[in-house]
C-alpha atoms as a PDB file:
ATOM      1  CA  MET A   1      -4.639 -11.366  10.873  1.00  0.00           C
ATOM      2  CA  ASN A   2      -1.297 -11.884   9.075  1.00  0.00           C
ATOM      3  CA  ASN A   3      -1.309 -15.400  10.998  1.00  0.00           C
ATOM      4  CA  ALA A   4      -3.744 -16.602   8.230  1.00  0.00           C
ATOM      5  CA  LEU A   5      -0.684 -16.635   5.763  1.00  0.00           C
ATOM      6  CA  THR A   6       2.269 -18.624   6.222  1.00  0.00           C
ATOM      7  CA  PRO A   7       5.607 -16.747   6.482  1.00  0.00           C
ATOM      8  CA  ARG A   8       6.579 -17.970   2.974  1.00  0.00           C
ATOM      9  CA  ARG A   9       3.240 -16.647   1.343  1.00  0.00           C
ATOM     10  CA  GLN A  10       3.784 -13.375   3.400  1.00  0.00           C
ATOM     11  CA  ALA A  11       7.127 -12.998   1.923  1.00  0.00           C
ATOM     12  CA  LEU A  12       5.494 -13.455  -1.650  1.00  0.00           C
ATOM     13  CA  ALA A  13       3.044 -10.863  -1.105  1.00  0.00           C
ATOM     14  CA  VAL A  14       5.244  -8.286  -0.051  1.00  0.00           C
ATOM     15  CA  ILE A  15       8.043  -9.071  -2.574  1.00  0.00           C
ATOM     16  CA  ALA A  16       5.453  -8.959  -5.572  1.00  0.00           C
ATOM     17  CA  SER A  17       3.691  -5.595  -4.286  1.00  0.00           C
ATOM     18  CA  LEU A  18       7.242  -4.064  -4.172  1.00  0.00           C
ATOM     19  CA  GLU A  19       8.237  -5.332  -7.522  1.00  0.00           C
ATOM     20  CA  ALA A  20       5.125  -3.515  -8.873  1.00  0.00           C
ATOM     21  CA  ARG A  21       5.818  -0.442  -6.970  1.00  0.00           C
ATOM     22  CA  GLY A  22       9.297  -0.125  -8.127  1.00  0.00           C
ATOM     23  CA  ASP A  23      10.628   0.168  -4.920  1.00  0.00           C
ATOM     24  CA  GLN A  24      14.256  -1.593  -5.301  1.00  0.00           C
ATOM     25  CA  LYS A  25      15.434  -0.476  -1.967  1.00  0.00           C
ATOM     26  CA  ALA A  26      12.644  -1.863   0.136  1.00  0.00           C
ATOM     27  CA  LEU A  27      12.523  -4.781  -2.197  1.00  0.00           C
ATOM     28  CA  GLU A  28      15.942  -5.708  -1.092  1.00  0.00           C
ATOM     29  CA  GLY A  29      14.836  -6.072   2.489  1.00  0.00           C
ATOM     30  CA  ALA A  30      11.821  -7.805   1.524  1.00  0.00           C
ATOM     31  CA  ILE A  31      13.723 -10.521  -0.237  1.00  0.00           C
ATOM     32  CA  ALA A  32      16.133 -10.780   2.532  1.00  0.00           C
ATOM     33  CA  GLU A  33      13.584 -11.083   5.084  1.00  0.00           C
ATOM     34  CA  GLY A  34      11.847 -13.677   2.871  1.00  0.00           C
ATOM     35  CA  LEU A  35      14.870 -16.052   2.451  1.00  0.00           C
ATOM     36  CA  ASP A  36      15.357 -15.650   6.463  1.00  0.00           C
ATOM     37  CA  LYS A  37      11.788 -17.107   6.527  1.00  0.00           C
ATOM     38  CA  GLY A  38      12.090 -20.290   4.341  1.00  0.00           C
ATOM     39  CA  LEU A  39      11.624 -18.922   0.754  1.00  0.00           C
ATOM     40  CA  THR A  40      13.567 -20.510  -1.624  1.00  0.00           C
ATOM     41  CA  ILE A  41      15.575 -18.997  -4.180  1.00  0.00           C
ATOM     42  CA  SER A  42      13.393 -20.910  -6.936  1.00  0.00           C
ATOM     43  CA  GLU A  43      10.245 -19.643  -5.420  1.00  0.00           C
ATOM     44  CA  ALA A  44      11.337 -15.971  -5.567  1.00  0.00           C
ATOM     45  CA  LYS A  45      12.534 -16.383  -8.847  1.00  0.00           C
ATOM     46  CA  GLU A  46       9.600 -17.863 -10.073  1.00  0.00           C
ATOM     47  CA  ALA A  47       7.517 -15.248  -8.531  1.00  0.00           C
ATOM     48  CA  LEU A  48       9.545 -12.080 -10.215  1.00  0.00           C
ATOM     49  CA  SER A  49       9.421 -13.894 -13.424  1.00  0.00           C
ATOM     50  CA  GLN A  50       5.551 -14.458 -13.446  1.00  0.00           C
ATOM     51  CA  LEU A  51       5.073 -10.890 -12.707  1.00  0.00           C
ATOM     52  CA  TYR A  52       6.233  -9.779 -16.110  1.00  0.00           C
ATOM     53  CA  ALA A  53       3.115 -10.512 -17.476  1.00  0.00           C
ATOM     54  CA  TYR A  54       1.482  -8.101 -14.971  1.00  0.00           C
ATOM     55  CA  THR A  55       3.762  -5.436 -14.377  1.00  0.00           C
ATOM     56  CA  GLY A  56       6.084  -5.708 -17.455  1.00  0.00           C
ATOM     57  CA  PHE A  57       9.514  -6.713 -18.370  1.00  0.00           C
ATOM     58  CA  PRO A  58      11.015  -3.492 -17.017  1.00  0.00           C
ATOM     59  CA  ARG A  59       9.912  -4.064 -13.270  1.00  0.00           C
ATOM     60  CA  SER A  60      10.355  -7.769 -13.527  1.00  0.00           C
ATOM     61  CA  LEU A  61      14.092  -7.676 -14.806  1.00  0.00           C
ATOM     62  CA  ASN A  62      14.767  -4.985 -12.194  1.00  0.00           C
ATOM     63  CA  ALA A  63      13.517  -7.021  -9.702  1.00  0.00           C
ATOM     64  CA  LEU A  64      15.257 -10.155 -10.634  1.00  0.00           C
ATOM     65  CA  GLY A  65      18.476  -8.008 -10.638  1.00  0.00           C
ATOM     66  CA  THR A  66      17.813  -6.904  -7.259  1.00  0.00           C
ATOM     67  CA  LEU A  67      17.375 -10.689  -6.102  1.00  0.00           C
ATOM     68  CA  ASN A  68      20.585 -11.412  -7.722  1.00  0.00           C
ATOM     69  CA  ARG A  69      22.588  -8.893  -5.761  1.00  0.00           C
ATOM     70  CA  VAL A  70      20.838  -9.824  -2.347  1.00  0.00           C
ATOM     71  CA  LEU A  71      21.669 -13.226  -2.999  1.00  0.00           C
ATOM     72  CA  GLU A  72      25.321 -12.430  -3.848  1.00  0.00           C
ATOM     73  CA  SER A  73      25.695 -10.232  -0.840  1.00  0.00           C
ATOM     74  CA  ARG A  74      24.338 -12.840   1.600  1.00  0.00           C
ATOM     75  CA  LYS A  75      26.455 -15.355   0.012  1.00  0.00           C
ATOM     76  CA  ALA A  76      29.624 -13.264   0.548  1.00  0.00           C
ATOM     77  CA  LEU A  77      28.566 -12.957   4.085  1.00  0.00           C
ATOM     78  CA  GLY A  78      28.454 -16.889   4.462  1.00  0.00           C
ATOM     79  CA  ILE A  79      24.941 -17.375   4.382  1.00  0.00           C
ATOM     80  CA  GLN A  80      23.557 -20.426   2.281  1.00  0.00           C
ATOM     81  CA  ASP A  81      20.106 -19.941   0.975  1.00  0.00           C
ATOM     82  CA  ASP A  82      18.091 -22.944   0.228  1.00  0.00           C
ATOM     83  CA  GLU A  83      17.905 -23.284  -3.724  1.00  0.00           C
ATOM     84  CA  GLY A  84      14.572 -25.089  -3.580  1.00  0.00           C
ATOM     85  CA  LYS A  85      13.274 -27.097  -6.449  1.00  0.00           C
ATOM     86  CA  ASP A  86      12.966 -25.834  -9.979  1.00  0.00           C
ATOM     87  CA  ALA A  87       9.737 -26.737 -12.125  1.00  0.00           C
ATOM     88  CA  ASP A  88       9.765 -29.965 -13.590  1.00  0.00           C
ATOM     89  CA  PRO A  89       9.908 -30.117 -16.954  1.00  0.00           C
ATOM     90  CA  LEU A  90       6.936 -29.857 -19.608  1.00  0.00           C
ATOM     91  CA  PRO A  91       5.886 -33.332 -20.765  1.00  0.00           C
ATOM     92  CA  SER A  92       6.646 -33.910 -24.536  1.00  0.00           C
ATOM     93  CA  GLY A  93       3.827 -32.616 -26.509  1.00  0.00           C
ATOM     94  CA  PHE A  94       2.495 -30.204 -23.624  1.00  0.00           C
ATOM     95  CA  ASP A  95      -0.751 -28.424 -24.926  1.00  0.00           C
ATOM     96  CA  ALA A  96      -0.261 -25.016 -23.746  1.00  0.00           C
ATOM     97  CA  LEU A  97      -3.366 -23.771 -25.114  1.00  0.00           C
ATOM     98  CA  GLY A  98      -5.521 -26.571 -24.000  1.00  0.00           C
ATOM     99  CA  GLN A  99      -3.749 -26.614 -20.420  1.00  0.00           C
ATOM    100  CA  GLY A 100      -3.913 -22.725 -20.287  1.00  0.00           C
ATOM    101  CA  THR A 101      -7.757 -22.616 -21.109  1.00  0.00           C
ATOM    102  CA  GLU A 102      -8.385 -25.037 -18.574  1.00  0.00           C
ATOM    103  CA  VAL A 103      -6.673 -23.337 -15.742  1.00  0.00           C
ATOM    104  CA  GLN A 104      -8.189 -19.900 -17.146  1.00  0.00           C
ATOM    105  CA  THR A 105     -11.723 -21.398 -16.890  1.00  0.00           C
ATOM    106  CA  LYS A 106     -10.968 -22.617 -13.250  1.00  0.00           C
ATOM    107  CA  LEU A 107      -9.844 -19.084 -12.495  1.00  0.00           C
ATOM    108  CA  THR A 108     -12.692 -16.859 -13.847  1.00  0.00           C
ATOM    109  CA  GLY A 109     -15.195 -19.765 -12.802  1.00  0.00           C
ATOM    110  CA  LYS A 110     -16.396 -19.798 -16.400  1.00  0.00           C
ATOM    111  CA  PRO A 111     -15.026 -19.913 -20.016  1.00  0.00           C
ATOM    112  CA  PHE A 112     -13.664 -16.678 -20.763  1.00  0.00           C
ATOM    113  CA  ASP A 113     -12.880 -15.719 -24.510  1.00  0.00           C
ATOM    114  CA  TYR A 114     -11.263 -12.085 -25.568  1.00  0.00           C
ATOM    115  CA  LYS A 115     -12.864 -12.097 -28.970  1.00  0.00           C
ATOM    116  CA  PHE A 116     -11.959  -8.433 -29.165  1.00  0.00           C
ATOM    117  CA  VAL A 117      -8.344  -9.052 -29.445  1.00  0.00           C
ATOM    118  CA  PRO A 118      -7.876 -12.847 -30.463  1.00  0.00           C
ATOM    119  CA  ALA A 119      -4.198 -12.586 -30.411  1.00  0.00           C
ATOM    120  CA  THR A 120      -4.280 -11.261 -26.525  1.00  0.00           C
ATOM    121  CA  ASP A 121      -6.569 -14.246 -26.111  1.00  0.00           C
ATOM    122  CA  TYR A 122      -3.883 -16.659 -27.292  1.00  0.00           C
ATOM    123  CA  TYR A 123      -1.300 -15.178 -25.123  1.00  0.00           C
ATOM    124  CA  LEU A 124      -3.279 -15.116 -22.133  1.00  0.00           C
ATOM    125  CA  LYS A 125      -4.388 -19.177 -22.619  1.00  0.00           C
ATOM    126  CA  ALA A 126      -1.209 -20.299 -24.051  1.00  0.00           C
ATOM    127  CA  HIS A 127       1.577 -18.611 -22.662  1.00  0.00           C
ATOM    128  CA  LEU A 128       0.482 -17.077 -19.058  1.00  0.00           C
ATOM    129  CA  PHE A 129      -2.066 -19.832 -17.978  1.00  0.00           C
ATOM    130  CA  GLY A 130      -0.751 -22.511 -20.184  1.00  0.00           C
ATOM    131  CA  ASP A 131       3.437 -22.068 -19.952  1.00  0.00           C
ATOM    132  CA  ILE A 132       3.790 -20.241 -16.910  1.00  0.00           C
ATOM    133  CA  PHE A 133       0.771 -21.634 -14.522  1.00  0.00           C
ATOM    134  CA  ALA A 134       2.126 -25.176 -15.660  1.00  0.00           C
ATOM    135  CA  ARG A 135       5.441 -24.457 -13.626  1.00  0.00           C
ATOM    136  CA  ASN A 136       4.892 -26.492 -10.421  1.00  0.00           C
ATOM    137  CA  ASN A 137       7.325 -24.733  -8.061  1.00  0.00           C
ATOM    138  CA  LEU A 138       4.468 -22.554  -7.011  1.00  0.00           C
ATOM    139  CA  SER A 139       0.786 -23.609  -6.705  1.00  0.00           C
ATOM    140  CA  PHE A 140      -2.065 -21.897  -8.409  1.00  0.00           C
ATOM    141  CA  ALA A 141      -2.930 -20.166  -5.120  1.00  0.00           C
ATOM    142  CA  ASP A 142       0.670 -19.007  -4.616  1.00  0.00           C
ATOM    143  CA  ARG A 143       0.450 -17.620  -7.989  1.00  0.00           C
ATOM    144  CA  GLU A 144      -2.700 -15.805  -7.302  1.00  0.00           C
ATOM    145  CA  ILE A 145      -1.504 -14.248  -3.863  1.00  0.00           C
ATOM    146  CA  VAL A 146       1.703 -12.864  -6.054  1.00  0.00           C
ATOM    147  CA  THR A 147      -0.667 -11.400  -8.672  1.00  0.00           C
ATOM    148  CA  VAL A 148      -3.244 -10.150  -6.232  1.00  0.00           C
ATOM    149  CA  SER A 149      -0.618  -8.306  -4.165  1.00  0.00           C
ATOM    150  CA  ALA A 150       0.993  -7.088  -7.299  1.00  0.00           C
ATOM    151  CA  ILE A 151      -1.653  -5.361  -8.739  1.00  0.00           C
ATOM    152  CA  SER A 152      -2.843  -3.889  -5.321  1.00  0.00           C
ATOM    153  CA  ALA A 153       0.334  -1.887  -6.456  1.00  0.00           C
ATOM    154  CA  LEU A 154      -0.822  -0.604  -9.763  1.00  0.00           C
ATOM    155  CA  PRO A 155      -3.182   2.724  -9.663  1.00  0.00           C
ATOM    156  CA  GLY A 156      -5.965   2.603 -12.269  1.00  0.00           C
ATOM    157  CA  CYS A 157      -5.952  -1.337 -12.226  1.00  0.00           C
ATOM    158  CA  GLU A 158      -8.780  -1.795  -9.771  1.00  0.00           C
ATOM    159  CA  PRO A 159     -10.995  -3.956 -12.299  1.00  0.00           C
ATOM    160  CA  GLN A 160      -8.394  -6.494 -12.754  1.00  0.00           C
ATOM    161  CA  LEU A 161      -7.651  -6.388  -8.868  1.00  0.00           C
ATOM    162  CA  VAL A 162     -11.437  -7.360  -8.333  1.00  0.00           C
ATOM    163  CA  ALA A 163     -10.968 -10.215 -11.044  1.00  0.00           C
ATOM    164  CA  HIS A 164      -8.140 -11.838  -9.343  1.00  0.00           C
ATOM    165  CA  VAL A 165      -9.604 -11.512  -5.788  1.00  0.00           C
ATOM    166  CA  ALA A 166     -12.602 -13.568  -7.109  1.00  0.00           C
ATOM    167  CA  GLY A 167     -10.215 -15.870  -9.084  1.00  0.00           C
ATOM    168  CA  ALA A 168      -7.920 -16.383  -6.013  1.00  0.00           C
ATOM    169  CA  ARG A 169     -10.856 -17.835  -4.033  1.00  0.00           C
ATOM    170  CA  ASN A 170     -11.199 -20.366  -7.142  1.00  0.00           C
ATOM    171  CA  MET A 171      -7.677 -21.348  -6.952  1.00  0.00           C
ATOM    172  CA  GLY A 172      -7.497 -22.234  -3.416  1.00  0.00           C
ATOM    173  CA  VAL A 173      -6.604 -18.993  -1.520  1.00  0.00           C
ATOM    174  CA  THR A 174      -9.048 -18.778   1.403  1.00  0.00           C
ATOM    175  CA  ASP A 175     -10.913 -15.821   2.390  1.00  0.00           C
ATOM    176  CA  ALA A 176      -8.893 -15.789   5.796  1.00  0.00           C
ATOM    177  CA  GLU A 177      -5.577 -15.415   3.706  1.00  0.00           C
ATOM    178  CA  LEU A 178      -7.191 -12.653   1.759  1.00  0.00           C
ATOM    179  CA  ARG A 179      -8.433 -10.463   4.608  1.00  0.00           C
ATOM    180  CA  ALA A 180      -4.649 -10.902   5.975  1.00  0.00           C
ATOM    181  CA  LEU A 181      -3.288  -9.301   3.036  1.00  0.00           C
ATOM    182  CA  PRO A 182      -4.261  -5.542   3.437  1.00  0.00           C
ATOM    183  CA  ALA A 183      -2.594  -5.185   7.031  1.00  0.00           C
ATOM    184  CA  LEU A 184       0.306  -7.120   5.548  1.00  0.00           C
ATOM    185  CA  LEU A 185       0.514  -4.482   2.737  1.00  0.00           C
ATOM    186  CA  GLU A 186       0.066  -1.540   4.946  1.00  0.00           C
ATOM    187  CA  GLY A 187       2.722  -2.656   7.265  1.00  0.00           C
ATOM    188  CA  LYS A 188       5.300  -3.746   4.566  1.00  0.00           C
ATOM    189  CA  VAL A 189       4.576  -1.651   1.404  1.00  0.00           C
ATOM    190  CA  GLY A 190       2.037   1.363   1.762  1.00  0.00           C
ATOM    191  CA  LEU A 191      -1.289   2.729   2.603  1.00  0.00           C
ATOM    192  CA  ALA A 192      -2.489   2.908  -1.049  1.00  0.00           C
ATOM    193  CA  GLU A 193      -1.667  -0.714  -1.692  1.00  0.00           C
ATOM    194  CA  ALA A 194      -3.631  -1.703   1.373  1.00  0.00           C
ATOM    195  CA  GLU A 195      -6.505   0.584   0.540  1.00  0.00           C
ATOM    196  CA  ARG A 196      -6.991  -0.571  -2.831  1.00  0.00           C
ATOM    197  CA  LEU A 197      -7.078  -4.143  -1.744  1.00  0.00           C
ATOM    198  CA  ARG A 198      -9.581  -3.431   0.797  1.00  0.00           C
ATOM    199  CA  GLU A 199     -11.744  -1.817  -1.680  1.00  0.00           C
ATOM    200  CA  ALA A 200     -11.454  -4.955  -3.937  1.00  0.00           C
ATOM    201  CA  LEU A 201     -12.057  -7.294  -1.052  1.00  0.00           C
ATOM    202  CA  SER A 202     -15.241  -5.459   0.028  1.00  0.00           C
ATOM    203  CA  THR A 203     -16.619  -5.596  -3.267  1.00  0.00           C
ATOM    204  CA  VAL A 204     -16.016  -9.474  -3.667  1.00  0.00           C
ATOM    205  CA  LEU A 205     -16.507 -10.619  -0.153  1.00  0.00           C
ATOM    206  CA  GLY A 206     -19.123  -8.046   0.801  1.00  0.00           C
ATOM    207  CA  ASP A 207     -17.085  -6.914   3.812  1.00  0.00           C
ATOM    208  CA  ALA A 208     -17.994  -3.201   5.234  1.00  0.00           C
ATOM    209  CA  HIS A 209     -15.658  -0.642   4.516  1.00  0.00           C
ATOM    210  CA  GLU A 210     -15.270   3.158   4.131  1.00  0.00           C
ATOM    211  CA  SER A 211     -12.943   4.164   1.275  1.00  0.00           C
ATOM    212  CA  VAL A 212     -10.543   6.754   2.652  1.00  0.00           C
ATOM    213  CA  GLN A 213      -7.833   8.755   0.595  1.00  0.00           C
ATOM    214  CA  THR A 214      -4.549   7.640   1.404  1.00  0.00           C
ATOM    215  CA  VAL A 215      -1.050   9.665   0.985  1.00  0.00           C
ATOM    216  CA  ASP A 216       2.322   8.299  -0.011  1.00  0.00           C
ATOM    217  CA  PHE A 217       4.965   8.444   2.861  1.00  0.00           C
ATOM    218  CA  SER A 218       7.791   7.959   0.373  1.00  0.00           C
ATOM    219  CA  VAL A 219       7.037  11.839  -0.639  1.00  0.00           C
ATOM    220  CA  TRP A 220       6.476  13.452   2.699  1.00  0.00           C
ATOM    221  CA  PRO A 221       7.582  11.168   5.755  1.00  0.00           C
ATOM    222  CA  LYS A 222       5.098   9.943   8.222  1.00  0.00           C
ATOM    223  CA  GLY A 223       7.145  10.277  11.133  1.00  0.00           C
ATOM    224  CA  GLN A 224       6.904   9.129  14.578  1.00  0.00           C
ATOM    225  CA  PRO A 225       3.512   8.891  16.753  1.00  0.00           C
ATOM    226  CA  ASN A 226       2.937  12.517  18.193  1.00  0.00           C
ATOM    227  CA  THR A 227       2.479  10.960  21.605  1.00  0.00           C
ATOM    228  CA  ALA A 228       3.894  14.277  23.066  1.00  0.00           C
ATOM    229  CA  TYR A 229       0.789  16.114  22.362  1.00  0.00           C
ATOM    230  CA  ALA A 230      -1.594  13.001  21.923  1.00  0.00           C
ATOM    231  CA  LYS A 231      -3.626  14.662  24.625  1.00  0.00           C
ATOM    232  CA  TYR A 232      -4.499  17.551  22.545  1.00  0.00           C
ATOM    233  CA  PHE A 233      -5.948  15.409  19.771  1.00  0.00           C
ATOM    234  CA  THR A 234      -8.755  13.607  18.753  1.00  0.00           C
ATOM    235  CA  GLY A 235      -7.637  10.617  16.953  1.00  0.00           C
ATOM    236  CA  SER A 236      -3.895   9.594  15.651  1.00  0.00           C
ATOM    237  CA  SER A 237      -1.137  12.019  14.541  1.00  0.00           C
ATOM    238  CA  HIS A 238       2.433  11.833  13.562  1.00  0.00           C
ATOM    239  CA  LEU A 239       5.152  14.286  13.605  1.00  0.00           C
ATOM    240  CA  ALA A 240       8.361  14.206  11.431  1.00  0.00           C
ATOM    241  CA  PRO A 241      10.564  17.240  12.355  1.00  0.00           C
ATOM    242  CA  MET A 242      12.441  18.681   9.220  1.00  0.00           C
ATOM    243  CA  ALA A 243      15.174  21.401   8.712  1.00  0.00           C
ATOM    244  CA  GLY A 244      14.501  25.091   9.294  1.00  0.00           C
ATOM    245  CA  GLY A 245      12.300  24.730  12.159  1.00  0.00           C
ATOM    246  CA  ILE A 246       9.475  23.040   9.640  1.00  0.00           C
ATOM    247  CA  ALA A 247       7.476  20.033  10.954  1.00  0.00           C
ATOM    248  CA  ASN A 248       5.525  17.663   8.748  1.00  0.00           C
ATOM    249  CA  VAL A 249       2.437  16.564  10.754  1.00  0.00           C
ATOM    250  CA  THR A 250       0.417  13.474   9.663  1.00  0.00           C
ATOM    251  CA  PHE A 251      -3.438  13.185  10.415  1.00  0.00           C
ATOM    252  CA  GLU A 252      -5.060  10.002  10.328  1.00  0.00           C
ATOM    253  CA  PRO A 253      -8.682  10.153   8.856  1.00  0.00           C
ATOM    254  CA  GLY A 254     -11.062  12.038  11.245  1.00  0.00           C
ATOM    255  CA  CYS A 255      -8.028  13.134  13.222  1.00  0.00           C
ATOM    256  CA  ARG A 256      -7.928  16.868  14.504  1.00  0.00           C
ATOM    257  CA  ASN A 257      -6.347  18.715  17.237  1.00  0.00           C
ATOM    258  CA  ASN A 258      -8.032  21.033  20.109  1.00  0.00           C
ATOM    259  CA  TRP A 259      -9.272  24.295  19.522  1.00  0.00           C
ATOM    260  CA  HIS A 260      -5.845  26.466  20.382  1.00  0.00           C
ATOM    261  CA  ILE A 261      -4.259  30.045  20.519  1.00  0.00           C
ATOM    262  CA  HIS A 262      -0.785  30.512  19.261  1.00  0.00           C
ATOM    263  CA  HIS A 263       0.401  33.810  21.398  1.00  0.00           C
ATOM    264  CA  LYS A 264       2.905  36.289  20.243  1.00  0.00           C
ATOM    265  CA  GLN A 265       3.631  34.069  17.072  1.00  0.00           C
ATOM    266  CA  VAL A 266       2.110  33.442  13.662  1.00  0.00           C
ATOM    267  CA  GLN A 267       1.899  29.724  12.421  1.00  0.00           C
ATOM    268  CA  VAL A 268       1.721  28.833   8.804  1.00  0.00           C
ATOM    269  CA  LEU A 269       0.283  25.427   7.683  1.00  0.00           C
ATOM    270  CA  ILE A 270       1.005  24.436   4.171  1.00  0.00           C
ATOM    271  CA  CYS A 271      -1.310  21.151   3.132  1.00  0.00           C
ATOM    272  CA  VAL A 272       1.053  18.751   0.962  1.00  0.00           C
ATOM    273  CA  ALA A 273      -1.065  15.592   0.644  1.00  0.00           C
ATOM    274  CA  GLY A 274      -4.580  14.121   1.339  1.00  0.00           C
ATOM    275  CA  ARG A 275      -7.376  16.367   2.325  1.00  0.00           C
ATOM    276  CA  GLY A 276      -8.437  18.246   5.685  1.00  0.00           C
ATOM    277  CA  TRP A 277     -10.076  21.221   7.361  1.00  0.00           C
ATOM    278  CA  TYR A 278      -8.686  24.539   9.097  1.00  0.00           C
ATOM    279  CA  GLN A 279     -11.110  26.665  10.885  1.00  0.00           C
ATOM    280  CA  GLU A 280     -10.970  29.577  13.125  1.00  0.00           C
ATOM    281  CA  TRP A 281     -13.471  30.391  15.671  1.00  0.00           C
ATOM    282  CA  GLY A 282     -17.020  31.834  14.504  1.00  0.00           C
ATOM    283  CA  LYS A 283     -15.710  31.435  10.620  1.00  0.00           C
ATOM    284  CA  ALA A 284     -16.552  28.946   8.056  1.00  0.00           C
ATOM    285  CA  ALA A 285     -13.903  26.288   7.488  1.00  0.00           C
ATOM    286  CA  VAL A 286     -11.270  26.192   4.992  1.00  0.00           C
ATOM    287  CA  GLN A 287     -10.691  22.876   2.995  1.00  0.00           C
ATOM    288  CA  LEU A 288      -6.913  22.003   3.273  1.00  0.00           C
ATOM    289  CA  VAL A 289      -5.725  20.067   0.083  1.00  0.00           C
ATOM    290  CA  PRO A 290      -2.105  20.132  -1.345  1.00  0.00           C
ATOM    291  CA  GLY A 291      -1.078  23.627  -2.217  1.00  0.00           C
ATOM    292  CA  VAL A 292      -3.396  25.510   0.386  1.00  0.00           C
ATOM    293  CA  ILE A 293      -1.571  27.642   2.337  1.00  0.00           C
ATOM    294  CA  VAL A 294      -3.141  29.115   5.676  1.00  0.00           C
ATOM    295  CA  GLU A 295      -1.639  32.030   7.474  1.00  0.00           C
ATOM    296  CA  ILE A 296      -3.082  31.884  11.338  1.00  0.00           C
ATOM    297  CA  PRO A 297      -3.385  35.146  12.847  1.00  0.00           C
ATOM    298  CA  GLU A 298      -1.523  35.651  16.529  1.00  0.00           C
ATOM    299  CA  GLY A 299      -4.306  35.024  18.974  1.00  0.00           C
ATOM    300  CA  ALA A 300      -6.774  33.212  16.893  1.00  0.00           C
ATOM    301  CA  LYS A 301      -8.619  30.388  18.472  1.00  0.00           C
ATOM    302  CA  HIS A 302      -8.812  27.797  15.663  1.00  0.00           C
ATOM    303  CA  TRP A 303      -8.246  23.913  15.040  1.00  0.00           C
ATOM    304  CA  HIS A 304      -6.910  21.784  12.157  1.00  0.00           C
ATOM    305  CA  GLY A 305      -7.296  17.963  10.918  1.00  0.00           C
ATOM    306  CA  ALA A 306      -7.986  15.387   8.293  1.00  0.00           C
ATOM    307  CA  ALA A 307     -11.261  14.823   6.685  1.00  0.00           C
ATOM    308  CA  LYS A 308     -13.136  11.752   8.188  1.00  0.00           C
ATOM    309  CA  ASP A 309     -12.459   9.986   5.054  1.00  0.00           C
ATOM    310  CA  SER A 310      -8.672  10.927   4.156  1.00  0.00           C
ATOM    311  CA  TRP A 311      -5.551  11.186   5.756  1.00  0.00           C
ATOM    312  CA  MET A 312      -3.924  14.677   5.515  1.00  0.00           C
ATOM    313  CA  GLN A 313      -0.322  16.068   5.868  1.00  0.00           C
ATOM    314  CA  HIS A 314       0.542  19.733   6.220  1.00  0.00           C
ATOM    315  CA  LEU A 315       3.974  21.588   6.932  1.00  0.00           C
ATOM    316  CA  THR A 316       3.893  24.035   9.866  1.00  0.00           C
ATOM    317  CA  ILE A 317       6.243  26.825  10.478  1.00  0.00           C
ATOM    318  CA  HIS A 318       5.934  29.821  13.096  1.00  0.00           C
ATOM    319  CA  LYS A 319       6.881  33.428  12.127  1.00  0.00           C
ATOM    320  CA  ASP A 320       7.044  36.701  13.505  1.00  0.00           C
ATOM    321  CA  VAL A 321       8.138  35.040  17.075  1.00  0.00           C
ATOM    322  CA  GLN A 322       8.193  37.201  19.733  1.00  0.00           C
ATOM    323  CA  GLU A 323       9.495  36.966  23.370  1.00  0.00           C
ATOM    324  CA  GLY A 324       7.251  34.807  25.372  1.00  0.00           C
ATOM    325  CA  ALA A 325       5.503  33.046  22.633  1.00  0.00           C
ATOM    326  CA  SER A 326       3.208  29.958  23.516  1.00  0.00           C
ATOM    327  CA  ASN A 327       0.467  27.714  22.552  1.00  0.00           C
ATOM    328  CA  GLU A 328      -2.801  27.535  24.629  1.00  0.00           C
ATOM    329  CA  TRP A 329      -4.497  24.247  24.244  1.00  0.00           C
ATOM    330  CA  LEU A 330      -8.213  24.636  24.799  1.00  0.00           C
ATOM    331  CA  GLU A 331     -11.276  22.084  24.503  1.00  0.00           C
ATOM    332  CA  PRO A 332     -11.551  19.394  21.896  1.00  0.00           C
ATOM    333  CA  VAL A 333     -13.587  20.045  18.706  1.00  0.00           C
ATOM    334  CA  SER A 334     -16.831  18.244  19.443  1.00  0.00           C
ATOM    335  CA  ASP A 335     -18.299  15.340  17.227  1.00  0.00           C
ATOM    336  CA  GLU A 336     -20.744  18.101  16.045  1.00  0.00           C
ATOM    337  CA  GLN A 337     -18.540  20.742  15.363  1.00  0.00           C
ATOM    338  CA  TYR A 338     -16.333  18.204  13.188  1.00  0.00           C
ATOM    339  CA  ALA A 339     -19.391  16.970  11.243  1.00  0.00           C
ATOM    340  CA  SER A 340     -20.653  20.482  10.443  1.00  0.00           C
ATOM    341  CA  VAL A 341     -17.520  21.155   8.217  1.00  0.00           C
ATOM    342  CA  GLU A 342     -17.565  17.929   6.494  1.00  0.00           C
END
């Protein structure tokens, strides 16, 4: 679905979301990729400058510093990036308050006055929607793609995200472009950012969406698809081997492994993110949330996996390993068995 977004707008979206997340390392790569795909220096500067009004000067200035370092590095390599066109000078006697009021009304679909704090109302109208939005090196639609993508990376700002998704449509962003953004952010930024945007799109566009709890792979790595054991899993899992014989296993929502038995060894599970379940045959299921540790007795038939509405990560390690230790994989956990623990 990312084909609905031009490469240039894809770059603006990813750069904005990473700026808001404060991930400078990933931002470096996104900026370089955007420049390679035709984003101009002027457009990148403008997007990151605009974001101070949404994410604060610290993040905006950090990101502009990252942009400068990327440009210097590319220049040293002989890469000549397109400067692009700067915004035209504002006309003499420019009425920032009047222009901003008009732009804000278009964005919100009706007149908006923040009477609770008149000073903030003035800043929004005269500065953000007046001075900043009047700069024509980004279109109104470009600016809303930048804004929506950035707010997607700000936990706790969901009401503003919903408002700007609606406003983006008023500013010329198509529904197809909006629907393409979550997959782009999931692939380039993170699950949480994509999920927040999917929730907002569901609210504004009425698209069917089941909420899921996400995890942050910058804390515990997702690893690679667990293809070697895929036949023993319902759903998709990922494996990240770690030091000391520890492995981090990531389960997508609804994913669980088959009933199985560890012979001549004890397995220990340590849940580190998300929510899931562990169950021994004939016993009640134990909910897995961060901090829960399960020691699985040798010879116990059991399964473990994610909840239907949450990703889940657990560390696994084996102890008391005896000669001839093995795993015995058994039948899948049926949908009925799985549903009974939810």
